[in-house]
Amino acid sequence: MDVYRIIYTDHARERMFERDISEEEVVHALSFGLSIKKNESTARFPKEEVSCQVGSRLIHVVAGVNHLSRIKIVVTVYAKGKKE
């Protein structure tokens, strides 16, 4: 399993707070989620969106990925469904 350091933008932290999504849920989604969209042509880092069922909610995480430095920069997070 690849190990990446995870960094959160201010925007991502705000959305996590608003949507009651924990860091543990984000890490779980990044570790076990299904990659549903990739954009390799973004200026700085390729972006990836992953989706993962966490409890009763489907968590989506959009992150820039720097494979060379082993860093994922979480840009935004959202969920579908209600938290149990």
Protein backbone atom coordinates (compact mmCIF):
# COMPACT_ATOMS: atom_id res chain seq x y z
CA MET A 1 0.00 0.00 0.00
CA ASP A 2 1.32 3.43 -0.96
CA VAL A 3 1.75 5.84 1.93
CA TYR A 4 1.10 9.52 1.28
CA ARG A 5 1.23 12.46 3.64
CA ILE A 6 -2.14 14.23 3.62
CA ILE A 7 -2.42 18.02 3.68
CA TYR A 8 -5.76 19.86 3.93
CA THR A 9 -6.44 23.23 2.31
CA ASP A 10 -8.38 25.80 4.34
CA HIS A 11 -11.29 25.29 1.94
CA ALA A 12 -11.28 21.52 2.57
CA ARG A 13 -11.23 22.04 6.36
CA GLU A 14 -14.17 24.46 6.13
CA ARG A 15 -16.19 22.00 4.05
CA MET A 16 -15.33 19.12 6.40
CA PHE A 17 -16.61 21.19 9.35
CA GLU A 18 -19.78 22.30 7.51
CA ARG A 19 -20.54 18.76 6.35
CA ASP A 20 -19.51 16.96 9.55
CA ILE A 21 -16.81 14.90 7.83
CA SER A 22 -13.86 13.84 9.99
CA GLU A 23 -10.21 13.48 9.04
CA GLU A 24 -10.57 9.75 9.71
CA GLU A 25 -13.36 9.55 7.11
CA VAL A 26 -11.25 11.43 4.58
CA VAL A 27 -8.23 9.17 5.19
CA HIS A 28 -10.47 6.10 4.89
CA ALA A 29 -11.88 7.37 1.57
CA LEU A 30 -8.40 8.15 0.21
CA SER A 31 -7.09 4.74 1.31
CA PHE A 32 -9.97 2.52 0.24
CA GLY A 33 -12.09 4.59 -2.15
CA LEU A 34 -12.66 4.14 -5.82
CA SER A 35 -11.02 6.67 -8.12
CA ILE A 36 -13.91 8.13 -10.11
CA LYS A 37 -12.19 11.01 -11.90
CA LYS A 38 -8.62 11.98 -12.73
CA ASN A 39 -7.30 15.15 -14.32
CA GLU A 40 -3.65 14.80 -15.23
CA SER A 41 -3.54 18.13 -17.06
CA THR A 42 -3.93 20.45 -14.06
CA ALA A 43 -1.21 23.04 -13.69
CA ARG A 44 0.53 22.04 -10.48
CA PHE A 45 -0.46 18.52 -9.53
CA PRO A 46 -2.74 15.97 -11.14
CA LYS A 47 -6.14 15.97 -9.41
CA GLU A 48 -8.09 12.90 -8.42
CA GLU A 49 -11.60 12.42 -7.04
CA VAL A 50 -12.29 9.34 -4.96
CA SER A 51 -15.57 8.01 -3.66
CA CYS A 52 -16.01 5.67 -0.71
CA GLN A 53 -18.91 4.38 1.36
CA VAL A 54 -18.25 5.33 5.00
CA GLY A 55 -21.08 4.19 7.25
CA SER A 56 -24.34 5.39 5.72
CA ARG A 57 -22.71 8.12 3.60
CA LEU A 58 -20.87 8.20 0.32
CA ILE A 59 -17.81 10.41 0.88
CA HIS A 60 -16.16 12.19 -2.06
CA VAL A 61 -12.67 13.65 -1.77
CA VAL A 62 -10.93 15.79 -4.39
CA ALA A 63 -7.17 15.98 -3.95
CA GLY A 64 -4.09 17.11 -5.82
CA VAL A 65 -1.55 14.32 -5.90
CA ASN A 66 2.22 14.80 -5.92
CA HIS A 67 3.50 11.27 -6.57
CA LEU A 68 7.14 12.31 -6.39
CA SER A 69 6.87 13.82 -2.90
CA ARG A 70 4.19 11.31 -1.77
CA ILE A 71 1.72 14.06 -0.81
CA LYS A 72 -2.05 14.34 -1.31
CA ILE A 73 -3.48 17.84 -0.95
CA VAL A 74 -7.17 17.64 -0.11
CA VAL A 75 -8.97 20.42 -1.99
CA THR A 76 -12.60 19.73 -1.09
CA VAL A 77 -14.78 17.07 0.49
CA TYR A 78 -18.51 16.34 0.27
CA ALA A 79 -20.91 13.56 1.20
CA LYS A 80 -24.18 12.10 0.01
CA GLY A 81 -26.54 10.72 2.61
CA LYS A 82 -27.03 11.41 6.31
CA LYS A 83 -24.48 10.70 9.00
CA GLU A 84 -25.57 8.02 11.47
